[in-house]
Amino acid sequence: IDGEISLSDDGKRVQFSPEGGLTAGHQYRALISYSPYMLDLAGNRINSINFYFTAGQASDEVSPEVVANSFSANTAGVAINAPIKLVFNEALAGFSVNTDSVTLSDGVNMILGVVSLSSDRRTLTFTPNENLDINSEYTLSLSGVVDVAGNAIDGDVLSFTTGESIDTTRPRVSSIMPVNGAVDVSVTSDIVVTFDE
């Protein structure tokens, strides 16, 4: 199909933008570095790859949204060793999730850490390299994080205040509903598991 090819400023990402978009429900196969071949700056040929995908039924022009996180916004008393997790309503583009696009700040300094993305690309985790300061305010921000359609989510996503301790205790189940071995449970019943923390 016709389209436009572009290369990122760092030379690590090639983007193909189909002219007129993709056809809904149609399967496509992408062939990378077949004839003509792609070369790196030293003239080394890039291995050929191919993959296929099926276009959805509608275009995606909506930015991803955070649907869950490790703790609520403005939570106080967060453990100083806690990783920060955000769950999104759709898959994120892996190339856009890194330590430049996901940052944690105490308002003065950027906090060094590791950024990771789950295998389904919907859960983003920031794990600080060291324990956070006690009784301090932090803000996790995103800049340039996009979904697979290129829709961006930017800005301050989560603010919180640390407590005074680390948390190394596993949560325990304190109750379940319906109870174990229950019979004649209503088909409209919710299943509820309550934890001690």
N, C-alpha and C. Protein backbone atom coordinates (compact mmCIF):
# COMPACT_ATOMS: atom_id res chain seq x y z
N ILE A 1 0.85 -1.18 0.00
CA ILE A 1 0.00 0.00 0.00
C ILE A 1 0.88 1.23 0.00
N ASP A 2 0.36 2.32 -0.48
CA ASP A 2 1.11 3.57 -0.53
C ASP A 2 1.14 4.23 0.84
N GLY A 3 2.21 4.95 1.10
CA GLY A 3 2.32 5.66 2.37
C GLY A 3 3.64 6.38 2.47
N GLU A 4 3.88 6.95 3.63
CA GLU A 4 5.09 7.73 3.85
C GLU A 4 5.94 7.07 4.94
N ILE A 5 7.24 6.98 4.68
CA ILE A 5 8.18 6.40 5.64
C ILE A 5 8.98 7.52 6.27
N SER A 6 9.12 7.46 7.61
CA SER A 6 9.93 8.46 8.30
C SER A 6 10.85 7.75 9.30
N LEU A 7 11.93 8.42 9.65
CA LEU A 7 12.93 7.89 10.57
C LEU A 7 13.02 8.83 11.76
N SER A 8 13.05 8.28 12.98
CA SER A 8 13.14 9.11 14.18
C SER A 8 14.49 9.81 14.21
N ASP A 9 14.57 10.88 15.01
CA ASP A 9 15.80 11.67 15.10
C ASP A 9 16.99 10.84 15.56
N ASP A 10 16.76 9.85 16.43
CA ASP A 10 17.87 9.02 16.90
C ASP A 10 18.21 7.88 15.95
N GLY A 11 17.43 7.74 14.86
CA GLY A 11 17.70 6.72 13.86
C GLY A 11 17.33 5.31 14.27
N LYS A 12 16.57 5.15 15.36
CA LYS A 12 16.26 3.81 15.86
C LYS A 12 14.84 3.36 15.55
N ARG A 13 14.01 4.25 15.04
CA ARG A 13 12.61 3.88 14.79
C ARG A 13 12.20 4.34 13.40
N VAL A 14 11.68 3.38 12.63
CA VAL A 14 11.14 3.66 11.30
C VAL A 14 9.63 3.62 11.41
N GLN A 15 8.97 4.62 10.87
CA GLN A 15 7.51 4.67 10.94
C GLN A 15 6.94 4.73 9.53
N PHE A 16 5.95 3.90 9.27
CA PHE A 16 5.24 3.92 7.99
C PHE A 16 3.82 4.41 8.25
N SER A 17 3.44 5.48 7.60
CA SER A 17 2.10 6.04 7.74
C SER A 17 1.33 5.78 6.46
N PRO A 18 0.37 4.83 6.48
CA PRO A 18 -0.38 4.49 5.27
C PRO A 18 -1.18 5.67 4.75
N GLU A 19 -1.12 5.86 3.46
CA GLU A 19 -1.91 6.92 2.83
C GLU A 19 -3.38 6.51 2.86
N GLY A 20 -4.21 7.32 3.45
CA GLY A 20 -5.63 7.02 3.52
C GLY A 20 -6.00 6.03 4.60
N GLY A 21 -5.06 5.63 5.45
CA GLY A 21 -5.35 4.73 6.54
C GLY A 21 -5.43 3.28 6.11
N LEU A 22 -5.77 2.42 7.04
CA LEU A 22 -5.90 0.98 6.79
C LEU A 22 -7.37 0.63 6.59
N THR A 23 -7.62 -0.49 5.96
CA THR A 23 -8.98 -0.97 5.76
C THR A 23 -9.40 -1.79 6.96
N ALA A 24 -10.54 -1.43 7.56
CA ALA A 24 -11.03 -2.12 8.76
C ALA A 24 -11.19 -3.61 8.50
N GLY A 25 -10.71 -4.44 9.44
CA GLY A 25 -10.86 -5.88 9.35
C GLY A 25 -9.90 -6.57 8.39
N HIS A 26 -9.07 -5.81 7.68
CA HIS A 26 -8.15 -6.38 6.69
C HIS A 26 -6.85 -6.80 7.36
N GLN A 27 -6.30 -7.95 6.91
CA GLN A 27 -5.02 -8.41 7.43
C GLN A 27 -3.90 -7.85 6.57
N TYR A 28 -2.83 -7.40 7.23
CA TYR A 28 -1.67 -6.82 6.54
C TYR A 28 -0.42 -7.57 6.94
N ARG A 29 0.54 -7.61 6.04
CA ARG A 29 1.85 -8.19 6.32
C ARG A 29 2.89 -7.11 6.04
N ALA A 30 3.77 -6.88 7.01
CA ALA A 30 4.85 -5.91 6.86
C ALA A 30 6.15 -6.66 6.60
N LEU A 31 6.89 -6.23 5.62
CA LEU A 31 8.18 -6.82 5.26
C LEU A 31 9.25 -5.76 5.49
N ILE A 32 10.17 -6.03 6.39
CA ILE A 32 11.20 -5.07 6.76
C ILE A 32 12.56 -5.56 6.26
N SER A 33 13.26 -4.70 5.55
CA SER A 33 14.61 -4.94 5.05
C SER A 33 14.70 -6.10 4.06
N TYR A 34 13.61 -6.29 3.29
CA TYR A 34 13.71 -7.14 2.12
C TYR A 34 14.22 -6.21 1.02
N SER A 35 14.27 -6.59 -0.18
CA SER A 35 14.84 -5.73 -1.22
C SER A 35 14.00 -4.48 -1.38
N PRO A 36 14.53 -3.27 -1.29
CA PRO A 36 15.92 -2.95 -0.98
C PRO A 36 16.21 -3.15 0.51
N TYR A 37 17.47 -3.42 0.81
CA TYR A 37 17.88 -3.72 2.17
C TYR A 37 18.09 -2.45 2.99
N MET A 38 17.88 -2.58 4.30
CA MET A 38 18.17 -1.48 5.22
C MET A 38 19.56 -1.72 5.80
N LEU A 39 20.33 -0.65 5.97
CA LEU A 39 21.69 -0.74 6.48
C LEU A 39 21.86 0.19 7.67
N ASP A 40 22.75 -0.19 8.60
CA ASP A 40 23.07 0.73 9.68
C ASP A 40 24.11 1.73 9.19
N LEU A 41 24.54 2.64 10.06
CA LEU A 41 25.47 3.69 9.63
C LEU A 41 26.83 3.15 9.20
N ALA A 42 27.17 1.93 9.66
CA ALA A 42 28.44 1.32 9.27
C ALA A 42 28.31 0.47 8.01
N GLY A 43 27.09 0.43 7.44
CA GLY A 43 26.87 -0.34 6.22
C GLY A 43 26.48 -1.78 6.45
N ASN A 44 26.22 -2.18 7.71
CA ASN A 44 25.80 -3.54 8.01
C ASN A 44 24.33 -3.73 7.66
N ARG A 45 24.02 -4.83 6.99
CA ARG A 45 22.65 -5.11 6.58
C ARG A 45 21.81 -5.52 7.80
N ILE A 46 20.65 -4.95 7.93
CA ILE A 46 19.72 -5.29 9.00
C ILE A 46 19.00 -6.57 8.60
N ASN A 47 18.88 -7.50 9.55
CA ASN A 47 18.19 -8.76 9.26
C ASN A 47 16.77 -8.50 8.80
N SER A 48 16.33 -9.26 7.82
CA SER A 48 14.96 -9.13 7.33
C SER A 48 13.99 -9.72 8.34
N ILE A 49 12.88 -9.04 8.53
CA ILE A 49 11.82 -9.54 9.39
C ILE A 49 10.49 -9.29 8.71
N ASN A 50 9.49 -10.04 9.10
CA ASN A 50 8.14 -9.76 8.64
C ASN A 50 7.18 -10.10 9.75
N PHE A 51 6.06 -9.42 9.75
CA PHE A 51 5.03 -9.68 10.74
C PHE A 51 3.69 -9.32 10.12
N TYR A 52 2.63 -9.80 10.74
CA TYR A 52 1.30 -9.47 10.23
C TYR A 52 0.42 -8.98 11.36
N PHE A 53 -0.62 -8.28 10.98
CA PHE A 53 -1.60 -7.78 11.94
C PHE A 53 -2.91 -7.57 11.21
N THR A 54 -3.99 -7.45 11.97
CA THR A 54 -5.31 -7.20 11.40
C THR A 54 -5.81 -5.87 11.92
N ALA A 55 -6.25 -5.01 11.01
CA ALA A 55 -6.75 -3.69 11.39
C ALA A 55 -8.08 -3.85 12.12
N GLY A 56 -8.29 -3.02 13.13
CA GLY A 56 -9.54 -3.02 13.88
C GLY A 56 -10.67 -2.44 13.06
N GLN A 57 -11.80 -2.31 13.72
CA GLN A 57 -12.99 -1.83 13.02
C GLN A 57 -13.12 -0.31 13.03
N ALA A 58 -12.34 0.38 13.84
CA ALA A 58 -12.45 1.83 13.90
C ALA A 58 -11.08 2.42 14.17
N SER A 59 -10.91 3.68 13.78
CA SER A 59 -9.64 4.35 14.05
C SER A 59 -9.57 4.72 15.53
N ASP A 60 -8.38 4.80 16.07
CA ASP A 60 -8.17 5.15 17.47
C ASP A 60 -7.60 6.55 17.53
N GLU A 61 -8.39 7.49 18.00
CA GLU A 61 -7.94 8.87 18.12
C GLU A 61 -8.05 9.36 19.55
N VAL A 62 -8.15 8.41 20.48
CA VAL A 62 -8.33 8.74 21.89
C VAL A 62 -7.08 8.37 22.67
N SER A 63 -6.62 9.29 23.50
CA SER A 63 -5.44 9.03 24.34
C SER A 63 -5.72 7.93 25.35
N PRO A 64 -4.70 7.17 25.70
CA PRO A 64 -4.89 6.14 26.74
C PRO A 64 -5.23 6.79 28.08
N GLU A 65 -5.96 6.04 28.90
CA GLU A 65 -6.35 6.54 30.23
C GLU A 65 -5.86 5.59 31.31
N VAL A 66 -5.49 6.16 32.43
CA VAL A 66 -5.13 5.35 33.59
C VAL A 66 -6.42 4.85 34.22
N VAL A 67 -6.55 3.51 34.36
CA VAL A 67 -7.76 2.93 34.94
C VAL A 67 -7.52 2.37 36.35
N ALA A 68 -6.26 2.20 36.72
CA ALA A 68 -5.93 1.73 38.08
C ALA A 68 -4.47 2.07 38.35
N ASN A 69 -4.13 2.18 39.62
CA ASN A 69 -2.74 2.40 40.00
C ASN A 69 -2.47 1.79 41.37
N SER A 70 -1.20 1.80 41.76
CA SER A 70 -0.81 1.15 43.02
C SER A 70 -1.52 1.74 44.22
N PHE A 71 -1.78 3.03 44.18
CA PHE A 71 -2.46 3.71 45.28
C PHE A 71 -3.15 4.94 44.70
N SER A 72 -4.13 5.45 45.40
CA SER A 72 -4.91 6.58 44.92
C SER A 72 -4.08 7.85 44.88
N ALA A 73 -4.49 8.79 44.04
CA ALA A 73 -3.83 10.09 43.97
C ALA A 73 -3.87 10.75 45.34
N ASN A 74 -2.79 11.43 45.69
CA ASN A 74 -2.65 12.17 46.94
C ASN A 74 -2.68 11.28 48.19
N THR A 75 -2.38 10.00 48.02
CA THR A 75 -2.29 9.09 49.17
C THR A 75 -1.12 9.51 50.05
N ALA A 76 -1.31 9.45 51.35
CA ALA A 76 -0.23 9.73 52.31
C ALA A 76 0.18 8.41 52.94
N GLY A 77 1.43 8.34 53.40
CA GLY A 77 1.91 7.16 54.10
C GLY A 77 2.34 6.02 53.18
N VAL A 78 2.67 6.33 51.94
CA VAL A 78 3.13 5.31 51.00
C VAL A 78 4.49 4.78 51.46
N ALA A 79 4.67 3.47 51.40
CA ALA A 79 5.95 2.86 51.81
C ALA A 79 7.08 3.45 50.97
N ILE A 80 8.22 3.69 51.61
CA ILE A 80 9.34 4.34 50.92
C ILE A 80 10.02 3.42 49.90
N ASN A 81 9.68 2.13 49.91
CA ASN A 81 10.26 1.19 48.94
C ASN A 81 9.23 0.75 47.90
N ALA A 82 8.09 1.42 47.83
CA ALA A 82 7.00 0.98 46.95
C ALA A 82 7.26 1.33 45.48
N PRO A 83 7.10 0.35 44.58
CA PRO A 83 7.12 0.68 43.15
C PRO A 83 5.80 1.37 42.80
N ILE A 84 5.81 2.17 41.76
CA ILE A 84 4.60 2.88 41.34
C ILE A 84 4.11 2.24 40.06
N LYS A 85 2.86 1.75 40.09
CA LYS A 85 2.29 1.07 38.93
C LYS A 85 1.08 1.83 38.42
N LEU A 86 0.98 1.92 37.10
CA LEU A 86 -0.18 2.50 36.44
C LEU A 86 -0.72 1.48 35.46
N VAL A 87 -2.03 1.27 35.46
CA VAL A 87 -2.67 0.35 34.51
C VAL A 87 -3.50 1.20 33.56
N PHE A 88 -3.32 0.95 32.26
CA PHE A 88 -4.00 1.72 31.23
C PHE A 88 -5.12 0.91 30.58
N ASN A 89 -6.05 1.61 29.96
CA ASN A 89 -7.20 0.97 29.31
C ASN A 89 -6.86 0.38 27.95
N GLU A 90 -5.63 0.58 27.48
CA GLU A 90 -5.20 0.03 26.20
C GLU A 90 -3.69 -0.12 26.19
N ALA A 91 -3.19 -0.86 25.22
CA ALA A 91 -1.75 -1.12 25.13
C ALA A 91 -0.99 0.16 24.78
N LEU A 92 0.18 0.30 25.38
CA LEU A 92 1.08 1.42 25.08
C LEU A 92 2.12 0.96 24.08
N ALA A 93 2.66 1.91 23.34
CA ALA A 93 3.75 1.62 22.41
C ALA A 93 5.04 1.49 23.21
N GLY A 94 5.66 0.32 23.17
CA GLY A 94 6.85 0.05 23.98
C GLY A 94 7.97 1.04 23.80
N PHE A 95 8.18 1.53 22.57
CA PHE A 95 9.28 2.45 22.32
C PHE A 95 9.11 3.77 23.07
N SER A 96 7.88 4.09 23.48
CA SER A 96 7.63 5.38 24.12
C SER A 96 7.74 5.33 25.64
N VAL A 97 7.97 4.15 26.20
CA VAL A 97 8.03 4.00 27.66
C VAL A 97 9.48 3.81 28.07
N ASN A 98 10.06 4.84 28.68
CA ASN A 98 11.46 4.80 29.09
C ASN A 98 11.69 5.85 30.18
N THR A 99 12.92 5.98 30.64
CA THR A 99 13.22 6.91 31.74
C THR A 99 13.18 8.38 31.30
N ASP A 100 13.10 8.65 30.02
CA ASP A 100 12.91 10.03 29.56
C ASP A 100 11.44 10.41 29.56
N SER A 101 10.56 9.45 29.28
CA SER A 101 9.13 9.74 29.17
C SER A 101 8.36 9.49 30.46
N VAL A 102 8.93 8.75 31.39
CA VAL A 102 8.29 8.45 32.67
C VAL A 102 9.24 8.92 33.76
N THR A 103 8.84 9.95 34.50
CA THR A 103 9.73 10.52 35.50
C THR A 103 9.05 10.66 36.85
N LEU A 104 9.84 10.55 37.90
CA LEU A 104 9.38 10.77 39.27
C LEU A 104 10.21 11.90 39.85
N SER A 105 9.51 12.87 40.47
CA SER A 105 10.20 14.04 41.01
C SER A 105 9.71 14.35 42.42
N ASP A 106 10.60 14.92 43.22
CA ASP A 106 10.20 15.38 44.55
C ASP A 106 9.94 16.89 44.53
N GLY A 107 9.83 17.45 43.33
CA GLY A 107 9.61 18.89 43.17
C GLY A 107 10.90 19.65 42.94
N VAL A 108 12.03 19.05 43.28
CA VAL A 108 13.34 19.66 43.08
C VAL A 108 14.22 18.77 42.23
N ASN A 109 14.26 17.49 42.58
CA ASN A 109 15.15 16.54 41.90
C ASN A 109 14.36 15.44 41.19
N MET A 110 14.93 14.96 40.09
CA MET A 110 14.38 13.78 39.42
C MET A 110 14.92 12.56 40.16
N ILE A 111 14.05 11.59 40.39
CA ILE A 111 14.42 10.37 41.12
C ILE A 111 14.81 9.30 40.10
N LEU A 112 16.00 8.75 40.25
CA LEU A 112 16.46 7.70 39.33
C LEU A 112 15.71 6.41 39.61
N GLY A 113 15.40 5.69 38.55
CA GLY A 113 14.70 4.43 38.72
C GLY A 113 14.63 3.66 37.43
N VAL A 114 13.96 2.52 37.48
CA VAL A 114 13.80 1.64 36.33
C VAL A 114 12.34 1.71 35.89
N VAL A 115 12.13 1.84 34.59
CA VAL A 115 10.78 1.87 34.03
C VAL A 115 10.57 0.57 33.26
N SER A 116 9.45 -0.09 33.50
CA SER A 116 9.16 -1.33 32.78
C SER A 116 7.71 -1.34 32.33
N LEU A 117 7.45 -2.19 31.35
CA LEU A 117 6.11 -2.32 30.77
C LEU A 117 5.76 -3.80 30.75
N SER A 118 4.56 -4.14 31.17
CA SER A 118 4.12 -5.54 31.23
C SER A 118 4.04 -6.14 29.83
N SER A 119 3.94 -7.46 29.76
CA SER A 119 3.91 -8.14 28.46
C SER A 119 2.68 -7.75 27.63
N ASP A 120 1.58 -7.40 28.28
CA ASP A 120 0.41 -6.94 27.50
C ASP A 120 0.48 -5.44 27.22
N ARG A 121 1.53 -4.79 27.68
CA ARG A 121 1.83 -3.37 27.47
C ARG A 121 0.78 -2.43 28.04
N ARG A 122 0.07 -2.90 29.06
CA ARG A 122 -0.94 -2.06 29.69
C ARG A 122 -0.57 -1.61 31.11
N THR A 123 0.44 -2.26 31.71
CA THR A 123 0.86 -1.89 33.06
C THR A 123 2.28 -1.34 33.03
N LEU A 124 2.40 -0.09 33.44
CA LEU A 124 3.68 0.61 33.47
C LEU A 124 4.13 0.66 34.93
N THR A 125 5.40 0.34 35.18
CA THR A 125 5.93 0.34 36.55
C THR A 125 7.19 1.19 36.62
N PHE A 126 7.22 2.10 37.61
CA PHE A 126 8.43 2.86 37.91
C PHE A 126 8.94 2.36 39.26
N THR A 127 10.17 1.82 39.28
CA THR A 127 10.76 1.32 40.51
C THR A 127 11.98 2.17 40.85
N PRO A 128 11.91 2.98 41.92
CA PRO A 128 13.06 3.81 42.29
C PRO A 128 14.30 2.96 42.56
N ASN A 129 15.47 3.49 42.20
CA ASN A 129 16.72 2.77 42.46
C ASN A 129 17.01 2.64 43.95
N GLU A 130 16.56 3.62 44.73
CA GLU A 130 16.78 3.62 46.18
C GLU A 130 15.47 3.95 46.87
N ASN A 131 15.39 3.66 48.16
CA ASN A 131 14.20 4.03 48.92
C ASN A 131 13.98 5.53 48.82
N LEU A 132 12.72 5.93 48.78
CA LEU A 132 12.37 7.34 48.73
C LEU A 132 12.57 7.96 50.11
N ASP A 133 12.66 9.29 50.16
CA ASP A 133 12.79 9.99 51.44
C ASP A 133 11.48 9.86 52.23
N ILE A 134 11.60 9.85 53.55
CA ILE A 134 10.40 9.73 54.37
C ILE A 134 9.63 11.05 54.39
N ASN A 135 8.31 10.93 54.55
CA ASN A 135 7.41 12.09 54.66
C ASN A 135 7.66 13.14 53.58
N SER A 136 7.80 12.68 52.35
CA SER A 136 8.09 13.59 51.24
C SER A 136 7.05 13.43 50.13
N GLU A 137 6.81 14.53 49.42
CA GLU A 137 5.84 14.52 48.33
C GLU A 137 6.55 14.20 47.01
N TYR A 138 5.90 13.37 46.19
CA TYR A 138 6.44 12.97 44.89
C TYR A 138 5.35 13.06 43.83
N THR A 139 5.79 13.28 42.59
CA THR A 139 4.86 13.31 41.47
C THR A 139 5.43 12.49 40.32
N LEU A 140 4.62 11.56 39.83
CA LEU A 140 4.99 10.77 38.65
C LEU A 140 4.40 11.48 37.43
N SER A 141 5.23 11.75 36.44
CA SER A 141 4.79 12.46 35.23
C SER A 141 5.11 11.66 33.99
N LEU A 142 4.29 11.84 32.97
CA LEU A 142 4.49 11.21 31.67
C LEU A 142 4.65 12.29 30.61
N SER A 143 5.56 12.05 29.67
CA SER A 143 5.77 12.99 28.58
C SER A 143 6.21 12.20 27.35
N GLY A 144 5.32 12.11 26.36
CA GLY A 144 5.66 11.38 25.15
C GLY A 144 5.26 9.93 25.17
N VAL A 145 4.56 9.48 26.20
CA VAL A 145 4.06 8.11 26.23
C VAL A 145 2.83 8.06 25.32
N VAL A 146 2.82 7.07 24.41
CA VAL A 146 1.72 6.98 23.44
C VAL A 146 1.17 5.56 23.39
N ASP A 147 -0.07 5.44 22.90
CA ASP A 147 -0.63 4.12 22.64
C ASP A 147 -0.13 3.64 21.29
N VAL A 148 -0.54 2.47 20.87
CA VAL A 148 -0.03 1.91 19.62
C VAL A 148 -0.49 2.69 18.39
N ALA A 149 -1.52 3.54 18.56
CA ALA A 149 -1.97 4.39 17.45
C ALA A 149 -1.28 5.74 17.45
N GLY A 150 -0.44 6.00 18.46
CA GLY A 150 0.30 7.26 18.52
C GLY A 150 -0.37 8.35 19.31
N ASN A 151 -1.46 8.05 20.01
CA ASN A 151 -2.14 9.04 20.84
C ASN A 151 -1.39 9.20 22.16
N ALA A 152 -1.07 10.44 22.51
CA ALA A 152 -0.21 10.70 23.67
C ALA A 152 -1.00 10.89 24.96
N ILE A 153 -0.36 10.51 26.06
CA ILE A 153 -0.84 10.87 27.40
C ILE A 153 0.31 11.60 28.07
N ASP A 154 0.08 12.84 28.43
CA ASP A 154 1.14 13.67 29.01
C ASP A 154 0.65 14.31 30.30
N GLY A 155 1.60 14.75 31.10
CA GLY A 155 1.26 15.51 32.31
C GLY A 155 1.52 14.74 33.58
N ASP A 156 1.20 15.40 34.69
CA ASP A 156 1.34 14.78 36.00
C ASP A 156 0.22 13.77 36.16
N VAL A 157 0.59 12.54 36.46
CA VAL A 157 -0.39 11.46 36.51
C VAL A 157 -0.74 11.07 37.95
N LEU A 158 0.24 11.12 38.84
CA LEU A 158 0.01 10.63 40.20
C LEU A 158 0.91 11.36 41.18
N SER A 159 0.30 11.95 42.21
CA SER A 159 1.05 12.59 43.29
C SER A 159 0.76 11.83 44.58
N PHE A 160 1.76 11.73 45.45
CA PHE A 160 1.60 11.00 46.71
C PHE A 160 2.64 11.48 47.71
N THR A 161 2.44 11.09 48.97
CA THR A 161 3.38 11.43 50.04
C THR A 161 3.82 10.13 50.71
N THR A 162 5.12 10.01 50.91
CA THR A 162 5.64 8.80 51.57
C THR A 162 5.39 8.84 53.07
N GLY A 163 5.45 7.66 53.67
CA GLY A 163 5.37 7.55 55.12
C GLY A 163 6.77 7.48 55.69
N GLU A 164 6.94 6.66 56.74
CA GLU A 164 8.22 6.59 57.43
C GLU A 164 8.84 5.20 57.40
N SER A 165 8.25 4.26 56.67
CA SER A 165 8.77 2.90 56.74
C SER A 165 8.74 2.20 55.39
N ILE A 166 9.44 1.06 55.35
CA ILE A 166 9.37 0.20 54.18
C ILE A 166 8.30 -0.84 54.42
N ASP A 167 7.84 -1.49 53.36
CA ASP A 167 6.82 -2.52 53.48
C ASP A 167 7.37 -3.80 52.86
N THR A 168 7.60 -4.81 53.70
CA THR A 168 8.10 -6.10 53.21
C THR A 168 7.14 -7.23 53.53
N THR A 169 5.96 -6.89 54.07
CA THR A 169 4.98 -7.89 54.47
C THR A 169 3.99 -8.13 53.34
N ARG A 170 3.79 -9.40 53.01
CA ARG A 170 2.82 -9.73 51.96
C ARG A 170 1.41 -9.49 52.47
N PRO A 171 0.52 -9.01 51.58
CA PRO A 171 -0.88 -8.89 51.99
C PRO A 171 -1.47 -10.28 52.22
N ARG A 172 -2.43 -10.36 53.15
CA ARG A 172 -3.11 -11.62 53.44
C ARG A 172 -4.59 -11.46 53.18
N VAL A 173 -5.21 -12.54 52.76
CA VAL A 173 -6.66 -12.53 52.56
C VAL A 173 -7.32 -12.56 53.93
N SER A 174 -8.21 -11.60 54.18
CA SER A 174 -8.91 -11.56 55.46
C SER A 174 -10.34 -12.09 55.35
N SER A 175 -10.92 -12.03 54.14
CA SER A 175 -12.24 -12.64 53.96
C SER A 175 -12.51 -12.87 52.48
N ILE A 176 -13.39 -13.82 52.20
CA ILE A 176 -13.84 -14.08 50.83
C ILE A 176 -15.35 -14.22 50.84
N MET A 177 -15.95 -13.86 49.73
CA MET A 177 -17.40 -13.96 49.61
C MET A 177 -17.72 -14.36 48.18
N PRO A 178 -18.40 -15.42 47.89
CA PRO A 178 -19.02 -16.33 48.85
C PRO A 178 -17.95 -17.15 49.58
N VAL A 179 -18.31 -17.67 50.74
CA VAL A 179 -17.36 -18.44 51.53
C VAL A 179 -17.00 -19.74 50.83
N ASN A 180 -15.85 -20.29 51.17
CA ASN A 180 -15.38 -21.53 50.58
C ASN A 180 -16.40 -22.64 50.81
N GLY A 181 -16.76 -23.36 49.76
CA GLY A 181 -17.69 -24.48 49.85
C GLY A 181 -19.15 -24.09 49.83
N ALA A 182 -19.44 -22.79 49.62
CA ALA A 182 -20.84 -22.34 49.62
C ALA A 182 -21.62 -23.03 48.50
N VAL A 183 -22.90 -23.30 48.75
CA VAL A 183 -23.77 -23.89 47.73
C VAL A 183 -24.96 -22.97 47.52
N ASP A 184 -25.63 -23.14 46.41
CA ASP A 184 -26.78 -22.32 46.05
C ASP A 184 -26.45 -20.83 46.04
N VAL A 185 -25.25 -20.49 45.58
CA VAL A 185 -24.86 -19.09 45.46
C VAL A 185 -25.62 -18.49 44.28
N SER A 186 -26.18 -17.33 44.47
CA SER A 186 -26.95 -16.66 43.42
C SER A 186 -26.09 -16.42 42.18
N VAL A 187 -26.67 -16.60 41.02
CA VAL A 187 -25.93 -16.41 39.78
C VAL A 187 -25.58 -14.94 39.55
N THR A 188 -26.18 -14.04 40.30
CA THR A 188 -25.87 -12.61 40.17
C THR A 188 -24.93 -12.12 41.26
N SER A 189 -24.39 -13.04 42.06
CA SER A 189 -23.51 -12.66 43.17
C SER A 189 -22.19 -12.11 42.66
N ASP A 190 -21.67 -11.12 43.38
CA ASP A 190 -20.31 -10.65 43.16
C ASP A 190 -19.37 -11.55 43.94
N ILE A 191 -18.15 -11.69 43.46
CA ILE A 191 -17.13 -12.45 44.17
C ILE A 191 -16.18 -11.41 44.74
N VAL A 192 -16.04 -11.41 46.07
CA VAL A 192 -15.27 -10.38 46.75
C VAL A 192 -14.17 -11.02 47.59
N VAL A 193 -12.94 -10.53 47.41
CA VAL A 193 -11.81 -10.95 48.22
C VAL A 193 -11.30 -9.71 48.92
N THR A 194 -11.21 -9.75 50.25
CA THR A 194 -10.74 -8.61 51.04
C THR A 194 -9.38 -8.94 51.64
N PHE A 195 -8.45 -8.00 51.54
CA PHE A 195 -7.09 -8.18 52.04
C PHE A 195 -6.87 -7.34 53.29
N ASP A 196 -5.83 -7.68 54.06
CA ASP A 196 -5.55 -6.96 55.29
C ASP A 196 -4.81 -5.65 55.08
N GLU A 197 -4.39 -5.40 53.87
CA GLU A 197 -3.74 -4.11 53.57
C GLU A 197 -3.97 -3.75 52.13
